[in-house]
Amino acid sequence: MAEPHYQAYVAASSRLETDSKARSALVALQRRQQALQAVSRLSAVSPEEQAELEALREAFVSVPAVAAFVAAESKLKALCQAAGSQLSQSLGIDFAGACSTGCC
């Protein structure tokens, strides 16, 4: 039996993938980000352009499927962090640090 937070995350992820409003909002945001990418590198994005990007971000995160996914992801992340802390205490090592990726 899967953990409820994980099940909620999987369900929210599925809904997000198939939600046309979320997809449309994401495409609009990404297009505008790409259009401003060169200007952004020069730190020349105008306040109006910055406000437009923020409005597009807000529109994206306000889509119910996106909000549900973000909430489910946050709960699952907190659960994983708590489990990692418990493992660290039980094992007497920094579990997350021991699991980090790297060459050595």
Foldseek 3Di string as FASTA:
>chain_A
DDDPLVVLLVVLVVCCVPDPQLVVLVVVLVVLCVVCVVVVVVVNQDPVSVVVNVVSVVSNCVPVSNVSNVVSVVVVVVVVVVVQVVCCVVVVHNSVVVPDDDDD
